Amino acid sequence: MDLEIAPSILSADFGKLSEEIAEVEPYSERIHFDVMDGHFVPNISFGAPIMKWIKSELPIDVHLMIEHPWDFFEDFVKAGGDTIIVHEEACEDLRGTIEKILALGVKAGVSIKPKTGVESITNVLDLVQQVLIMTVEPGFGGQKFMSDMMPKIAQLKEMGFDKEIAIDGGVNGETAKICRDAGANVLIAGSYIFGSEDRIAAINSLRA
């Protein structure tokens, strides 16, 4: 698949969220919505009540960095989520959790933290549309990119996974090339895009 850019609204100005999304929407392929609960990761972001106000023609990926994510699947689907992404580390029965997402009529994804190997998600690769590889420890924006996570992309391809391989954490104009060269096809960027004076140039630099 072609490279897709997913601005993470975690770094957007929530006082004018609709305008922030509208500015980047024509130059992006999807919107990334990070949900944090202060337990699974040491930060709190927002939930479905905020998400339902998002107006976008683009698909919305909901990245649940939370404990007991299944308790909230219906809320996020009703709020407009197109792909629900859970963390392997938060799910005792990962395959059963993915099946619950699919039963709601949306796509499913799975994410792994830097210390988690891809072998831990082998049993769901046939079900998920996206594997999201964290290249920072999840919880806060603006961290340094971990280039030593790139071999996970090759491992996934060796396992026969040929759908969306997303990279989240520290993605910018320089690290995006590392991701592209390694075979990633979805790049998630928050502070790099929304913190730029020229956001369109920032997005374009991720493709260059």
C-alpha atoms as a PDB file:
ATOM      1  CA  MET A   1       0.000   0.000   0.000  1.00  0.00           C
ATOM      2  CA  ASP A   2       1.033   3.618  -0.500  1.00  0.00           C
ATOM      3  CA  LEU A   3       2.425   5.631   2.383  1.00  0.00           C
ATOM      4  CA  GLU A   4      -0.249   7.217   4.572  1.00  0.00           C
ATOM      5  CA  ILE A   5       0.166  10.101   7.033  1.00  0.00           C
ATOM      6  CA  ALA A   6      -1.892  10.175  10.226  1.00  0.00           C
ATOM      7  CA  PRO A   7      -1.714  13.401  12.258  1.00  0.00           C
ATOM      8  CA  SER A   8      -2.150  12.696  15.960  1.00  0.00           C
ATOM      9  CA  ILE A   9      -4.491  15.259  17.452  1.00  0.00           C
ATOM     10  CA  LEU A  10      -2.942  14.746  20.892  1.00  0.00           C
ATOM     11  CA  SER A  11      -0.722  17.712  19.986  1.00  0.00           C
ATOM     12  CA  ALA A  12      -3.467  19.882  18.478  1.00  0.00           C
ATOM     13  CA  ASP A  13      -5.011  22.983  20.066  1.00  0.00           C
ATOM     14  CA  PHE A  14      -8.172  21.699  21.724  1.00  0.00           C
ATOM     15  CA  GLY A  15      -9.591  25.195  21.904  1.00  0.00           C
ATOM     16  CA  LYS A  16     -10.074  25.022  18.137  1.00  0.00           C
ATOM     17  CA  LEU A  17      -9.934  21.312  17.397  1.00  0.00           C
ATOM     18  CA  SER A  18     -12.202  21.380  14.340  1.00  0.00           C
ATOM     19  CA  GLU A  19     -10.069  24.065  12.705  1.00  0.00           C
ATOM     20  CA  GLU A  20      -6.875  22.182  13.531  1.00  0.00           C
ATOM     21  CA  ILE A  21      -8.158  19.028  11.857  1.00  0.00           C
ATOM     22  CA  ALA A  22      -9.530  20.936   8.861  1.00  0.00           C
ATOM     23  CA  GLU A  23      -6.097  22.463   8.234  1.00  0.00           C
ATOM     24  CA  VAL A  24      -4.261  19.138   7.949  1.00  0.00           C
ATOM     25  CA  GLU A  25      -7.082  16.999   6.556  1.00  0.00           C
ATOM     26  CA  PRO A  26      -6.548  17.712   2.824  1.00  0.00           C
ATOM     27  CA  TYR A  27      -2.892  16.632   3.088  1.00  0.00           C
ATOM     28  CA  SER A  28      -3.373  13.489   5.197  1.00  0.00           C
ATOM     29  CA  GLU A  29      -4.922  10.045   4.789  1.00  0.00           C
ATOM     30  CA  ARG A  30      -6.295   9.487   8.303  1.00  0.00           C
ATOM     31  CA  ILE A  31      -6.625  11.017  11.766  1.00  0.00           C
ATOM     32  CA  HIS A  32      -5.027   9.413  14.831  1.00  0.00           C
ATOM     33  CA  PHE A  33      -6.815   9.675  18.179  1.00  0.00           C
ATOM     34  CA  ASP A  34      -4.721   8.762  21.253  1.00  0.00           C
ATOM     35  CA  VAL A  35      -6.648   7.697  24.344  1.00  0.00           C
ATOM     36  CA  MET A  36      -4.763   7.514  27.676  1.00  0.00           C
ATOM     37  CA  ASP A  37      -6.188   6.629  31.072  1.00  0.00           C
ATOM     38  CA  GLY A  38      -3.389   7.495  33.515  1.00  0.00           C
ATOM     39  CA  HIS A  39      -3.064   3.803  34.439  1.00  0.00           C
ATOM     40  CA  PHE A  40      -1.802   1.871  31.423  1.00  0.00           C
ATOM     41  CA  VAL A  41       0.339   4.906  30.598  1.00  0.00           C
ATOM     42  CA  PRO A  42       1.326   7.750  32.963  1.00  0.00           C
ATOM     43  CA  ASN A  43      -0.813  10.417  31.358  1.00  0.00           C
ATOM     44  CA  ILE A  44      -4.479  11.222  30.720  1.00  0.00           C
ATOM     45  CA  SER A  45      -5.770  12.513  27.400  1.00  0.00           C
ATOM     46  CA  PHE A  46      -9.437  12.310  26.381  1.00  0.00           C
ATOM     47  CA  GLY A  47     -12.232   9.894  25.591  1.00  0.00           C
ATOM     48  CA  ALA A  48     -15.259   9.261  23.396  1.00  0.00           C
ATOM     49  CA  PRO A  49     -17.167  12.413  24.518  1.00  0.00           C
ATOM     50  CA  ILE A  50     -14.428  14.519  22.894  1.00  0.00           C
ATOM     51  CA  MET A  51     -14.075  12.281  19.885  1.00  0.00           C
ATOM     52  CA  LYS A  52     -17.724  12.527  18.908  1.00  0.00           C
ATOM     53  CA  TRP A  53     -17.189  16.218  18.121  1.00  0.00           C
ATOM     54  CA  ILE A  54     -14.486  15.475  15.560  1.00  0.00           C
ATOM     55  CA  LYS A  55     -15.678  16.237  12.068  1.00  0.00           C
ATOM     56  CA  SER A  56     -13.525  14.654   9.390  1.00  0.00           C
ATOM     57  CA  GLU A  57     -13.973  12.914   6.062  1.00  0.00           C
ATOM     58  CA  LEU A  58     -10.867  10.857   6.823  1.00  0.00           C
ATOM     59  CA  PRO A  59     -10.844   7.488   8.600  1.00  0.00           C
ATOM     60  CA  ILE A  60     -10.226   7.805  12.339  1.00  0.00           C
ATOM     61  CA  ASP A  61      -7.844   5.407  14.081  1.00  0.00           C
ATOM     62  CA  VAL A  62      -8.506   5.125  17.822  1.00  0.00           C
ATOM     63  CA  HIS A  63      -5.376   4.102  19.741  1.00  0.00           C
ATOM     64  CA  LEU A  64      -6.464   2.836  23.149  1.00  0.00           C
ATOM     65  CA  MET A  65      -3.590   3.120  25.618  1.00  0.00           C
ATOM     66  CA  ILE A  66      -5.861   2.080  28.459  1.00  0.00           C
ATOM     67  CA  GLU A  67      -6.641  -0.778  30.814  1.00  0.00           C
ATOM     68  CA  HIS A  68      -9.770  -2.868  30.116  1.00  0.00           C
ATOM     69  CA  PRO A  69     -10.152  -1.386  26.605  1.00  0.00           C
ATOM     70  CA  TRP A  70     -13.112  -3.662  25.774  1.00  0.00           C
ATOM     71  CA  ASP A  71     -15.275  -1.676  28.191  1.00  0.00           C
ATOM     72  CA  PHE A  72     -15.103   1.261  25.764  1.00  0.00           C
ATOM     73  CA  PHE A  73     -15.232  -0.303  22.296  1.00  0.00           C
ATOM     74  CA  GLU A  74     -18.884   0.523  21.683  1.00  0.00           C
ATOM     75  CA  ASP A  75     -18.430   4.121  22.861  1.00  0.00           C
ATOM     76  CA  PHE A  76     -15.606   4.765  20.412  1.00  0.00           C
ATOM     77  CA  VAL A  77     -17.351   3.058  17.526  1.00  0.00           C
ATOM     78  CA  LYS A  78     -20.477   5.150  18.163  1.00  0.00           C
ATOM     79  CA  ALA A  79     -18.276   8.254  18.349  1.00  0.00           C
ATOM     80  CA  GLY A  80     -16.964   7.562  14.836  1.00  0.00           C
ATOM     81  CA  GLY A  81     -13.928   5.310  15.168  1.00  0.00           C
ATOM     82  CA  ASP A  82     -13.069   3.380  11.997  1.00  0.00           C
ATOM     83  CA  THR A  83     -10.190   1.312  13.379  1.00  0.00           C
ATOM     84  CA  ILE A  84      -9.870   0.444  17.061  1.00  0.00           C
ATOM     85  CA  ILE A  85      -6.295  -0.305  18.141  1.00  0.00           C
ATOM     86  CA  VAL A  86      -5.528  -2.062  21.417  1.00  0.00           C
ATOM     87  CA  HIS A  87      -2.244  -2.801  23.151  1.00  0.00           C
ATOM     88  CA  GLU A  88      -1.072  -6.380  23.407  1.00  0.00           C
ATOM     89  CA  GLU A  89       0.145  -5.602  26.923  1.00  0.00           C
ATOM     90  CA  ALA A  90      -3.364  -4.591  28.069  1.00  0.00           C
ATOM     91  CA  CYS A  91      -5.116  -7.757  26.846  1.00  0.00           C
ATOM     92  CA  GLU A  92      -5.023 -11.123  28.577  1.00  0.00           C
ATOM     93  CA  ASP A  93      -6.976 -12.689  25.710  1.00  0.00           C
ATOM     94  CA  LEU A  94      -5.709 -10.715  22.735  1.00  0.00           C
ATOM     95  CA  ARG A  95      -7.460 -12.723  20.048  1.00  0.00           C
ATOM     96  CA  GLY A  96     -10.769 -12.605  21.903  1.00  0.00           C
ATOM     97  CA  THR A  97     -10.368  -8.844  22.339  1.00  0.00           C
ATOM     98  CA  ILE A  98      -9.720  -8.327  18.622  1.00  0.00           C
ATOM     99  CA  GLU A  99     -12.775 -10.441  17.790  1.00  0.00           C
ATOM    100  CA  LYS A 100     -14.920  -8.162  19.988  1.00  0.00           C
ATOM    101  CA  ILE A 101     -13.790  -5.161  17.934  1.00  0.00           C
ATOM    102  CA  LEU A 102     -14.531  -6.887  14.637  1.00  0.00           C
ATOM    103  CA  ALA A 103     -17.982  -7.900  15.885  1.00  0.00           C
ATOM    104  CA  LEU A 104     -18.841  -4.173  16.041  1.00  0.00           C
ATOM    105  CA  GLY A 105     -18.299  -3.824  12.304  1.00  0.00           C
ATOM    106  CA  VAL A 106     -15.051  -1.837  12.348  1.00  0.00           C
ATOM    107  CA  LYS A 107     -11.407  -2.652  11.675  1.00  0.00           C
ATOM    108  CA  ALA A 108      -9.044  -3.748  14.417  1.00  0.00           C
ATOM    109  CA  GLY A 109      -5.405  -3.025  15.111  1.00  0.00           C
ATOM    110  CA  VAL A 110      -2.838  -4.067  17.697  1.00  0.00           C
ATOM    111  CA  SER A 111      -0.012  -2.009  19.155  1.00  0.00           C
ATOM    112  CA  ILE A 112       3.164  -3.060  20.941  1.00  0.00           C
ATOM    113  CA  LYS A 113       5.420  -1.085  23.265  1.00  0.00           C
ATOM    114  CA  PRO A 114       9.183  -0.912  22.602  1.00  0.00           C
ATOM    115  CA  LYS A 115       9.992  -3.789  24.975  1.00  0.00           C
ATOM    116  CA  THR A 116       7.338  -6.085  23.470  1.00  0.00           C
ATOM    117  CA  GLY A 117       8.369  -8.417  20.659  1.00  0.00           C
ATOM    118  CA  VAL A 118       6.298  -9.062  17.547  1.00  0.00           C
ATOM    119  CA  GLU A 119       6.090 -12.755  18.398  1.00  0.00           C
ATOM    120  CA  SER A 120       3.555 -11.814  21.081  1.00  0.00           C
ATOM    121  CA  ILE A 121       0.989 -10.822  18.418  1.00  0.00           C
ATOM    122  CA  THR A 122       1.444 -13.741  16.022  1.00  0.00           C
ATOM    123  CA  ASN A 123      -1.973 -15.187  16.837  1.00  0.00           C
ATOM    124  CA  VAL A 124      -3.876 -12.071  15.700  1.00  0.00           C
ATOM    125  CA  LEU A 125      -2.047 -11.114  12.506  1.00  0.00           C
ATOM    126  CA  ASP A 126      -4.761 -12.820  10.467  1.00  0.00           C
ATOM    127  CA  LEU A 127      -7.420 -10.608  12.091  1.00  0.00           C
ATOM    128  CA  VAL A 128      -5.927  -7.130  12.340  1.00  0.00           C
ATOM    129  CA  GLN A 129      -5.741  -4.446   9.686  1.00  0.00           C
ATOM    130  CA  GLN A 130      -2.923  -2.576  11.414  1.00  0.00           C
ATOM    131  CA  VAL A 131       0.090  -3.318  13.578  1.00  0.00           C
ATOM    132  CA  LEU A 132       1.255  -0.180  15.373  1.00  0.00           C
ATOM    133  CA  ILE A 133       4.874  -0.218  16.518  1.00  0.00           C
ATOM    134  CA  MET A 134       5.662   2.253  19.280  1.00  0.00           C
ATOM    135  CA  THR A 135       9.026   3.953  18.790  1.00  0.00           C
ATOM    136  CA  VAL A 136       8.802   5.757  22.146  1.00  0.00           C
ATOM    137  CA  GLU A 137       7.419   4.668  25.509  1.00  0.00           C
ATOM    138  CA  PRO A 138       3.719   5.548  25.213  1.00  0.00           C
ATOM    139  CA  GLY A 139       2.218   8.260  27.370  1.00  0.00           C
ATOM    140  CA  PHE A 140       3.770  11.561  26.339  1.00  0.00           C
ATOM    141  CA  GLY A 141       4.457  13.392  23.076  1.00  0.00           C
ATOM    142  CA  GLY A 142       7.795  14.776  21.937  1.00  0.00           C
ATOM    143  CA  GLN A 143      10.032  11.835  22.940  1.00  0.00           C
ATOM    144  CA  LYS A 144      13.152  10.727  21.069  1.00  0.00           C
ATOM    145  CA  PHE A 145      12.654   8.219  18.268  1.00  0.00           C
ATOM    146  CA  MET A 146      13.922   4.667  18.929  1.00  0.00           C
ATOM    147  CA  SER A 147      15.463   3.533  15.638  1.00  0.00           C
ATOM    148  CA  ASP A 148      16.225   0.106  17.092  1.00  0.00           C
ATOM    149  CA  MET A 149      12.517  -0.741  16.734  1.00  0.00           C
ATOM    150  CA  MET A 150      12.816  -0.896  12.933  1.00  0.00           C
ATOM    151  CA  PRO A 151      13.720  -4.621  12.756  1.00  0.00           C
ATOM    152  CA  LYS A 152      10.187  -5.350  13.974  1.00  0.00           C
ATOM    153  CA  ILE A 153       8.914  -4.248  10.550  1.00  0.00           C
ATOM    154  CA  ALA A 154      11.034  -6.854   8.764  1.00  0.00           C
ATOM    155  CA  GLN A 155       9.917  -9.486  11.268  1.00  0.00           C
ATOM    156  CA  LEU A 156       6.261  -8.730  10.540  1.00  0.00           C
ATOM    157  CA  LYS A 157       6.839  -9.001   6.817  1.00  0.00           C
ATOM    158  CA  GLU A 158       8.642 -12.314   7.316  1.00  0.00           C
ATOM    159  CA  MET A 159       5.554 -13.520   9.179  1.00  0.00           C
ATOM    160  CA  GLY A 160       3.517 -12.701   6.074  1.00  0.00           C
ATOM    161  CA  PHE A 161       1.807  -9.575   7.408  1.00  0.00           C
ATOM    162  CA  ASP A 162       1.156  -7.334   4.394  1.00  0.00           C
ATOM    163  CA  LYS A 163      -1.361  -4.799   5.688  1.00  0.00           C
ATOM    164  CA  GLU A 164      -0.796  -1.557   7.621  1.00  0.00           C
ATOM    165  CA  ILE A 165       2.446  -1.251   9.570  1.00  0.00           C
ATOM    166  CA  ALA A 166       2.272   2.006  11.513  1.00  0.00           C
ATOM    167  CA  ILE A 167       4.998   3.836  13.411  1.00  0.00           C
ATOM    168  CA  ASP A 168       4.104   6.071  16.341  1.00  0.00           C
ATOM    169  CA  GLY A 169       6.563   8.129  18.373  1.00  0.00           C
ATOM    170  CA  GLY A 170       9.222  10.671  17.478  1.00  0.00           C
ATOM    171  CA  VAL A 171       8.321  10.709  13.779  1.00  0.00           C
ATOM    172  CA  ASN A 172       9.664  13.795  11.997  1.00  0.00           C
ATOM    173  CA  GLY A 173      11.227  14.765   8.685  1.00  0.00           C
ATOM    174  CA  GLU A 174      14.439  12.881   9.474  1.00  0.00           C
ATOM    175  CA  THR A 175      13.105   9.771  11.200  1.00  0.00           C
ATOM    176  CA  ALA A 176      10.320   9.340   8.642  1.00  0.00           C
ATOM    177  CA  LYS A 177      12.919   8.288   6.053  1.00  0.00           C
ATOM    178  CA  ILE A 178      14.196   5.608   8.448  1.00  0.00           C
ATOM    179  CA  CYS A 179      10.622   4.328   8.811  1.00  0.00           C
ATOM    180  CA  ARG A 180       9.905   4.380   5.082  1.00  0.00           C
ATOM    181  CA  ASP A 181      13.170   2.654   4.228  1.00  0.00           C
ATOM    182  CA  ALA A 182      12.368  -0.058   6.791  1.00  0.00           C
ATOM    183  CA  GLY A 183       8.993  -0.700   5.158  1.00  0.00           C
ATOM    184  CA  ALA A 184       6.455   1.182   7.303  1.00  0.00           C
ATOM    185  CA  ASN A 185       3.411   2.414   5.375  1.00  0.00           C
ATOM    186  CA  VAL A 186       1.592   4.511   8.012  1.00  0.00           C
ATOM    187  CA  LEU A 187       3.399   7.339   9.815  1.00  0.00           C
ATOM    188  CA  ILE A 188       1.803   8.912  12.883  1.00  0.00           C
ATOM    189  CA  ALA A 189       3.037  12.351  13.903  1.00  0.00           C
ATOM    190  CA  GLY A 190       1.679  14.778  16.469  1.00  0.00           C
ATOM    191  CA  SER A 191       4.006  17.425  17.831  1.00  0.00           C
ATOM    192  CA  TYR A 192       6.042  17.505  14.608  1.00  0.00           C
ATOM    193  CA  ILE A 193       2.953  18.476  12.589  1.00  0.00           C
ATOM    194  CA  PHE A 194       0.932  20.591  15.002  1.00  0.00           C
ATOM    195  CA  GLY A 195       4.006  22.255  16.485  1.00  0.00           C
ATOM    196  CA  SER A 196       5.242  23.406  13.069  1.00  0.00           C
ATOM    197  CA  GLU A 197       4.689  26.900  11.731  1.00  0.00           C
ATOM    198  CA  ASP A 198       4.083  25.369   8.311  1.00  0.00           C
ATOM    199  CA  ARG A 199       2.102  22.208   8.962  1.00  0.00           C
ATOM    200  CA  ILE A 200       1.618  21.355   5.313  1.00  0.00           C
ATOM    201  CA  ALA A 201       5.370  21.471   4.728  1.00  0.00           C
ATOM    202  CA  ALA A 202       5.823  19.266   7.791  1.00  0.00           C
ATOM    203  CA  ILE A 203       3.411  16.669   6.430  1.00  0.00           C
ATOM    204  CA  ASN A 204       5.063  16.780   3.003  1.00  0.00           C
ATOM    205  CA  SER A 205       8.481  16.264   4.591  1.00  0.00           C
ATOM    206  CA  LEU A 206       7.254  12.945   5.985  1.00  0.00           C
ATOM    207  CA  ARG A 207       6.742  11.736   2.418  1.00  0.00           C
ATOM    208  CA  ALA A 208       9.934  13.130   0.891  1.00  0.00           C
END
